[in-house]
């Protein structure tokens, strides 16, 4: 699985602000309990998982294409 090249966007807080359940996890052992809390909430949920920074080759290609198009 790949991540995107977003800045640190608090998606979990945005979902919570709209009335859902949101939580950020940074370690793998936090993920299962966070999912249990999300299911138990009965609300639309977002678990924001911080992961190792690896950019998808697809995103790199699309970004390069956009940069080239803006120069030409």
PDB file of N, CA and C in Angstrom:
ATOM      1  N   UNK A   1       0.844  -1.172   0.000  1.00  0.00           N
ATOM      2  CA  UNK A   1       0.000   0.000   0.000  1.00  0.00           C
ATOM      3  C   UNK A   1       0.895   1.243   0.000  1.00  0.00           C
ATOM      4  N   UNK A   2       0.485   2.253  -0.705  1.00  0.00           N
ATOM      5  CA  UNK A   2       1.253   3.485  -0.784  1.00  0.00           C
ATOM      6  C   UNK A   2       0.485   4.634  -0.156  1.00  0.00           C
ATOM      7  N   UNK A   3       1.214   5.605   0.242  1.00  0.00           N
ATOM      8  CA  UNK A   3       0.594   6.821   0.766  1.00  0.00           C
ATOM      9  C   UNK A   3       0.638   7.898  -0.299  1.00  0.00           C
ATOM     10  N   UNK A   4       0.035   9.007  -0.030  1.00  0.00           N
ATOM     11  CA  UNK A   4       0.117  10.146  -0.925  1.00  0.00           C
ATOM     12  C   UNK A   4       1.082  11.161  -0.349  1.00  0.00           C
ATOM     13  N   UNK A   5       1.425  12.149  -1.131  1.00  0.00           N
ATOM     14  CA  UNK A   5       2.394  13.151  -0.703  1.00  0.00           C
ATOM     15  C   UNK A   5       1.675  14.357  -0.090  1.00  0.00           C
ATOM     16  N   UNK A   6       0.701  14.106   0.790  1.00  0.00           N
ATOM     17  CA  UNK A   6       0.009  15.187   1.478  1.00  0.00           C
ATOM     18  C   UNK A   6       0.857  15.695   2.629  1.00  0.00           C
ATOM     19  N   UNK A   7       0.616  16.929   3.028  1.00  0.00           N
ATOM     20  CA  UNK A   7       1.183  17.372   4.283  1.00  0.00           C
ATOM     21  C   UNK A   7       0.425  16.662   5.391  1.00  0.00           C
ATOM     22  N   UNK A   8       0.710  16.993   6.608  1.00  0.00           N
ATOM     23  CA  UNK A   8       0.072  16.337   7.742  1.00  0.00           C
ATOM     24  C   UNK A   8      -1.355  16.864   7.898  1.00  0.00           C
ATOM     25  N   UNK A   9      -2.297  16.258   7.167  1.00  0.00           N
ATOM     26  CA  UNK A   9      -3.689  16.707   7.178  1.00  0.00           C
ATOM     27  C   UNK A   9      -4.470  15.869   8.190  1.00  0.00           C
ATOM     28  N   UNK A  10      -5.161  16.486   9.135  1.00  0.00           N
ATOM     29  CA  UNK A  10      -5.888  15.746  10.171  1.00  0.00           C
ATOM     30  C   UNK A  10      -7.265  15.267   9.682  1.00  0.00           C
ATOM     31  N   UNK A  11      -7.273  14.285   8.796  1.00  0.00           N
ATOM     32  CA  UNK A  11      -8.529  13.772   8.258  1.00  0.00           C
ATOM     33  C   UNK A  11      -9.454  13.292   9.375  1.00  0.00           C
ATOM     34  N   UNK A  12      -8.882  12.688  10.411  1.00  0.00           N
ATOM     35  CA  UNK A  12      -9.693  12.190  11.519  1.00  0.00           C
ATOM     36  C   UNK A  12     -10.436  13.318  12.227  1.00  0.00           C
ATOM     37  N   UNK A  13      -9.790  14.449  12.377  1.00  0.00           N
ATOM     38  CA  UNK A  13     -10.429  15.603  13.029  1.00  0.00           C
ATOM     39  C   UNK A  13     -11.523  16.200  12.133  1.00  0.00           C
ATOM     40  N   UNK A  14     -11.321  16.145  10.824  1.00  0.00           N
ATOM     41  CA  UNK A  14     -12.356  16.639   9.909  1.00  0.00           C
ATOM     42  C   UNK A  14     -13.607  15.770  10.001  1.00  0.00           C
ATOM     43  N   UNK A  15     -13.423  14.453  10.054  1.00  0.00           N
ATOM     44  CA  UNK A  15     -14.564  13.548  10.175  1.00  0.00           C
ATOM     45  C   UNK A  15     -15.271  13.770  11.510  1.00  0.00           C
ATOM     46  N   UNK A  16     -14.489  13.910  12.583  1.00  0.00           N
ATOM     47  CA  UNK A  16     -15.081  14.163  13.902  1.00  0.00           C
ATOM     48  C   UNK A  16     -15.845  15.487  13.905  1.00  0.00           C
ATOM     49  N   UNK A  17     -15.324  16.481  13.228  1.00  0.00           N
ATOM     50  CA  UNK A  17     -15.986  17.777  13.152  1.00  0.00           C
ATOM     51  C   UNK A  17     -17.313  17.726  12.420  1.00  0.00           C
ATOM     52  N   UNK A  18     -17.478  16.721  11.581  1.00  0.00           N
ATOM     53  CA  UNK A  18     -18.732  16.544  10.848  1.00  0.00           C
ATOM     54  C   UNK A  18     -19.676  15.573  11.553  1.00  0.00           C
ATOM     55  N   UNK A  19     -19.309  15.188  12.784  1.00  0.00           N
ATOM     56  CA  UNK A  19     -20.185  14.325  13.567  1.00  0.00           C
ATOM     57  C   UNK A  19     -19.818  12.859  13.564  1.00  0.00           C
ATOM     58  N   UNK A  20     -18.726  12.500  12.919  1.00  0.00           N
ATOM     59  CA  UNK A  20     -18.291  11.106  12.896  1.00  0.00           C
ATOM     60  C   UNK A  20     -17.289  10.818  13.998  1.00  0.00           C
ATOM     61  N   UNK A  21     -16.638   9.672  13.890  1.00  0.00           N
ATOM     62  CA  UNK A  21     -15.599   9.288  14.845  1.00  0.00           C
ATOM     63  C   UNK A  21     -14.259   9.380  14.145  1.00  0.00           C
ATOM     64  N   UNK A  22     -13.291  10.019  14.777  1.00  0.00           N
ATOM     65  CA  UNK A  22     -11.969  10.142  14.189  1.00  0.00           C
ATOM     66  C   UNK A  22     -10.882   9.899  15.209  1.00  0.00           C
ATOM     67  N   UNK A  23      -9.813   9.268  14.745  1.00  0.00           N
ATOM     68  CA  UNK A  23      -8.688   8.965  15.631  1.00  0.00           C
ATOM     69  C   UNK A  23      -7.424   8.815  14.788  1.00  0.00           C
ATOM     70  N   UNK A  24      -6.296   9.232  15.342  1.00  0.00           N
ATOM     71  CA  UNK A  24      -4.999   9.050  14.699  1.00  0.00           C
ATOM     72  C   UNK A  24      -4.233   7.961  15.427  1.00  0.00           C
ATOM     73  N   UNK A  25      -3.606   7.065  14.681  1.00  0.00           N
ATOM     74  CA  UNK A  25      -2.723   6.064  15.273  1.00  0.00           C
ATOM     75  C   UNK A  25      -1.346   6.187  14.634  1.00  0.00           C
ATOM     76  N   UNK A  26      -0.334   5.943  15.428  1.00  0.00           N
ATOM     77  CA  UNK A  26       1.038   6.051  14.934  1.00  0.00           C
ATOM     78  C   UNK A  26       1.819   4.751  15.057  1.00  0.00           C
ATOM     79  N   UNK A  27       1.289   3.787  15.824  1.00  0.00           N
ATOM     80  CA  UNK A  27       1.988   2.512  15.983  1.00  0.00           C
ATOM     81  C   UNK A  27       1.023   1.378  15.657  1.00  0.00           C
ATOM     82  N   UNK A  28       1.557   0.303  15.099  1.00  0.00           N
ATOM     83  CA  UNK A  28       0.728  -0.816  14.638  1.00  0.00           C
ATOM     84  C   UNK A  28      -0.120  -1.398  15.760  1.00  0.00           C
ATOM     85  N   UNK A  29       0.408  -1.417  16.972  1.00  0.00           N
ATOM     86  CA  UNK A  29      -0.360  -1.999  18.077  1.00  0.00           C
ATOM     87  C   UNK A  29      -1.545  -1.122  18.488  1.00  0.00           C
ATOM     88  N   UNK A  30      -1.594   0.105  18.013  1.00  0.00           N
ATOM     89  CA  UNK A  30      -2.726   0.998  18.298  1.00  0.00           C
ATOM     90  C   UNK A  30      -3.880   0.807  17.314  1.00  0.00           C
ATOM     91  N   UNK A  31      -3.600   0.166  16.187  1.00  0.00           N
ATOM     92  CA  UNK A  31      -4.596   0.096  15.115  1.00  0.00           C
ATOM     93  C   UNK A  31      -5.828  -0.745  15.475  1.00  0.00           C
ATOM     94  N   UNK A  32      -5.625  -1.946  15.977  1.00  0.00           N
ATOM     95  CA  UNK A  32      -6.762  -2.808  16.301  1.00  0.00           C
ATOM     96  C   UNK A  32      -7.682  -2.191  17.362  1.00  0.00           C
ATOM     97  N   UNK A  33      -7.140  -1.663  18.477  1.00  0.00           N
ATOM     98  CA  UNK A  33      -8.029  -1.010  19.447  1.00  0.00           C
ATOM     99  C   UNK A  33      -8.756   0.207  18.855  1.00  0.00           C
ATOM    100  N   UNK A  34      -8.077   0.943  17.979  1.00  0.00           N
ATOM    101  CA  UNK A  34      -8.726   2.102  17.343  1.00  0.00           C
ATOM    102  C   UNK A  34      -9.876   1.652  16.461  1.00  0.00           C
ATOM    103  N   UNK A  35      -9.687   0.552  15.736  1.00  0.00           N
ATOM    104  CA  UNK A  35     -10.762   0.030  14.890  1.00  0.00           C
ATOM    105  C   UNK A  35     -11.935  -0.437  15.746  1.00  0.00           C
ATOM    106  N   UNK A  36     -11.646  -1.073  16.876  1.00  0.00           N
ATOM    107  CA  UNK A  36     -12.723  -1.504  17.769  1.00  0.00           C
ATOM    108  C   UNK A  36     -13.522  -0.296  18.274  1.00  0.00           C
ATOM    109  N   UNK A  37     -12.820   0.777  18.652  1.00  0.00           N
ATOM    110  CA  UNK A  37     -13.512   1.991  19.116  1.00  0.00           C
ATOM    111  C   UNK A  37     -14.345   2.600  17.988  1.00  0.00           C
ATOM    112  N   UNK A  38     -13.812   2.590  16.769  1.00  0.00           N
ATOM    113  CA  UNK A  38     -14.540   3.146  15.623  1.00  0.00           C
ATOM    114  C   UNK A  38     -15.817   2.354  15.359  1.00  0.00           C
ATOM    115  N   UNK A  39     -15.727   1.012  15.343  1.00  0.00           N
ATOM    116  CA  UNK A  39     -16.921   0.184  15.139  1.00  0.00           C
ATOM    117  C   UNK A  39     -17.915   0.381  16.268  1.00  0.00           C
ATOM    118  N   UNK A  40     -17.413   0.455  17.498  1.00  0.00           N
ATOM    119  CA  UNK A  40     -18.291   0.609  18.659  1.00  0.00           C
ATOM    120  C   UNK A  40     -19.017   1.954  18.655  1.00  0.00           C
ATOM    121  N   UNK A  41     -18.416   2.951  18.022  1.00  0.00           N
ATOM    122  CA  UNK A  41     -19.040   4.276  17.997  1.00  0.00           C
ATOM    123  C   UNK A  41     -20.339   4.278  17.198  1.00  0.00           C
ATOM    124  N   UNK A  42     -20.449   3.385  16.221  1.00  0.00           N
ATOM    125  CA  UNK A  42     -21.634   3.350  15.367  1.00  0.00           C
ATOM    126  C   UNK A  42     -21.724   4.517  14.404  1.00  0.00           C
ATOM    127  N   UNK A  43     -20.644   5.259  14.271  1.00  0.00           N
ATOM    128  CA  UNK A  43     -20.622   6.449  13.412  1.00  0.00           C
ATOM    129  C   UNK A  43     -19.741   6.221  12.190  1.00  0.00           C
ATOM    130  N   UNK A  44     -19.937   7.013  11.140  1.00  0.00           N
ATOM    131  CA  UNK A  44     -18.946   7.004  10.063  1.00  0.00           C
ATOM    132  C   UNK A  44     -17.601   7.366  10.689  1.00  0.00           C
ATOM    133  N   UNK A  45     -16.556   6.630  10.329  1.00  0.00           N
ATOM    134  CA  UNK A  45     -15.285   6.784  11.033  1.00  0.00           C
ATOM    135  C   UNK A  45     -14.104   6.953  10.095  1.00  0.00           C
ATOM    136  N   UNK A  46     -13.082   7.599  10.630  1.00  0.00           N
ATOM    137  CA  UNK A  46     -11.813   7.747   9.926  1.00  0.00           C
ATOM    138  C   UNK A  46     -10.696   7.485  10.929  1.00  0.00           C
ATOM    139  N   UNK A  47      -9.890   6.480  10.628  1.00  0.00           N
ATOM    140  CA  UNK A  47      -8.695   6.241  11.423  1.00  0.00           C
ATOM    141  C   UNK A  47      -7.527   6.709  10.565  1.00  0.00           C
ATOM    142  N   UNK A  48      -6.897   7.767  11.014  1.00  0.00           N
ATOM    143  CA  UNK A  48      -5.778   8.363  10.297  1.00  0.00           C
ATOM    144  C   UNK A  48      -4.519   7.629  10.740  1.00  0.00           C
ATOM    145  N   UNK A  49      -3.928   6.841   9.841  1.00  0.00           N
ATOM    146  CA  UNK A  49      -2.773   6.013  10.179  1.00  0.00           C
ATOM    147  C   UNK A  49      -1.502   6.679   9.669  1.00  0.00           C
ATOM    148  N   UNK A  50      -0.641   7.033  10.602  1.00  0.00           N
ATOM    149  CA  UNK A  50       0.658   7.597  10.228  1.00  0.00           C
ATOM    150  C   UNK A  50       1.552   6.434   9.822  1.00  0.00           C
ATOM    151  N   UNK A  51       2.193   6.551   8.686  1.00  0.00           N
ATOM    152  CA  UNK A  51       3.017   5.451   8.190  1.00  0.00           C
ATOM    153  C   UNK A  51       4.348   5.962   7.676  1.00  0.00           C
ATOM    154  N   UNK A  52       5.182   5.024   7.330  1.00  0.00           N
ATOM    155  CA  UNK A  52       6.483   5.354   6.756  1.00  0.00           C
ATOM    156  C   UNK A  52       6.270   6.120   5.455  1.00  0.00           C
ATOM    157  N   UNK A  53       7.082   7.092   5.223  1.00  0.00           N
ATOM    158  CA  UNK A  53       6.929   7.957   4.061  1.00  0.00           C
ATOM    159  C   UNK A  53       7.453   7.282   2.791  1.00  0.00           C
ATOM    160  N   UNK A  54       6.511   6.745   1.997  1.00  0.00           N
ATOM    161  CA  UNK A  54       6.839   6.132   0.710  1.00  0.00           C
ATOM    162  C   UNK A  54       5.822   6.658  -0.283  1.00  0.00           C
ATOM    163  N   UNK A  55       6.285   7.315  -1.325  1.00  0.00           N
ATOM    164  CA  UNK A  55       5.380   7.906  -2.302  1.00  0.00           C
ATOM    165  C   UNK A  55       5.115   6.915  -3.432  1.00  0.00           C
ATOM    166  N   UNK A  56       3.867   6.787  -3.797  1.00  0.00           N
ATOM    167  CA  UNK A  56       3.452   5.896  -4.868  1.00  0.00           C
ATOM    168  C   UNK A  56       4.096   6.313  -6.190  1.00  0.00           C
ATOM    169  N   UNK A  57       4.602   5.336  -6.960  1.00  0.00           N
ATOM    170  CA  UNK A  57       5.138   5.656  -8.291  1.00  0.00           C
ATOM    171  C   UNK A  57       4.083   6.327  -9.181  1.00  0.00           C
ATOM    172  N   UNK A  58       2.821   5.980  -9.008  1.00  0.00           N
ATOM    173  CA  UNK A  58       1.748   6.605  -9.784  1.00  0.00           C
ATOM    174  C   UNK A  58       1.671   8.097  -9.469  1.00  0.00           C
ATOM    175  N   UNK A  59       1.752   8.461  -8.194  1.00  0.00           N
ATOM    176  CA  UNK A  59       1.703   9.868  -7.789  1.00  0.00           C
ATOM    177  C   UNK A  59       2.908  10.622  -8.344  1.00  0.00           C
ATOM    178  N   UNK A  60       4.090  10.000  -8.293  1.00  0.00           N
ATOM    179  CA  UNK A  60       5.293  10.648  -8.837  1.00  0.00           C
ATOM    180  C   UNK A  60       5.110  10.918 -10.326  1.00  0.00           C
ATOM    181  N   UNK A  61       4.587   9.928 -11.067  1.00  0.00           N
ATOM    182  CA  UNK A  61       4.373  10.100 -12.509  1.00  0.00           C
ATOM    183  C   UNK A  61       3.365  11.188 -12.820  1.00  0.00           C
ATOM    184  N   UNK A  62       2.260  11.223 -12.078  1.00  0.00           N
ATOM    185  CA  UNK A  62       1.244  12.251 -12.314  1.00  0.00           C
ATOM    186  C   UNK A  62       1.765  13.641 -11.957  1.00  0.00           C
ATOM    187  N   UNK A  63       2.547  13.722 -10.883  1.00  0.00           N
ATOM    188  CA  UNK A  63       3.127  15.010 -10.478  1.00  0.00           C
ATOM    189  C   UNK A  63       4.107  15.500 -11.540  1.00  0.00           C
ATOM    190  N   UNK A  64       4.960  14.585 -12.031  1.00  0.00           N
ATOM    191  CA  UNK A  64       5.913  14.963 -13.080  1.00  0.00           C
ATOM    192  C   UNK A  64       5.182  15.431 -14.332  1.00  0.00           C
ATOM    193  N   UNK A  65       4.104  14.752 -14.691  1.00  0.00           N
ATOM    194  CA  UNK A  65       3.334  15.128 -15.877  1.00  0.00           C
ATOM    195  C   UNK A  65       2.735  16.525 -15.696  1.00  0.00           C
ATOM    196  N   UNK A  66       2.217  16.796 -14.503  1.00  0.00           N
ATOM    197  CA  UNK A  66       1.611  18.110 -14.226  1.00  0.00           C
ATOM    198  C   UNK A  66       2.674  19.208 -14.289  1.00  0.00           C
ATOM    199  N   UNK A  67       3.849  18.938 -13.743  1.00  0.00           N
ATOM    200  CA  UNK A  67       4.925  19.946 -13.773  1.00  0.00           C
ATOM    201  C   UNK A  67       5.344  20.216 -15.209  1.00  0.00           C
ATOM    202  N   UNK A  68       5.515  19.170 -16.008  1.00  0.00           N
ATOM    203  CA  UNK A  68       5.925  19.355 -17.417  1.00  0.00           C
ATOM    204  C   UNK A  68       4.855  20.137 -18.190  1.00  0.00           C
ATOM    205  N   UNK A  69       3.586  19.839 -17.924  1.00  0.00           N
ATOM    206  CA  UNK A  69       2.487  20.513 -18.638  1.00  0.00           C
ATOM    207  C   UNK A  69       2.438  21.999 -18.292  1.00  0.00           C
ATOM    208  N   UNK A  70       2.771  22.336 -17.062  1.00  0.00           N
ATOM    209  CA  UNK A  70       2.706  23.743 -16.670  1.00  0.00           C
ATOM    210  C   UNK A  70       3.878  24.540 -17.233  1.00  0.00           C
ATOM    211  N   UNK A  71       4.976  23.860 -17.549  1.00  0.00           N
ATOM    212  CA  UNK A  71       6.145  24.546 -18.118  1.00  0.00           C
ATOM    213  C   UNK A  71       5.980  24.765 -19.611  1.00  0.00           C
ATOM    214  N   UNK A  72       5.362  23.807 -20.277  1.00  0.00           N
ATOM    215  CA  UNK A  72       5.250  23.867 -21.748  1.00  0.00           C
ATOM    216  C   UNK A  72       4.256  24.866 -22.221  1.00  0.00           C
TER     217      UNK A  72
END
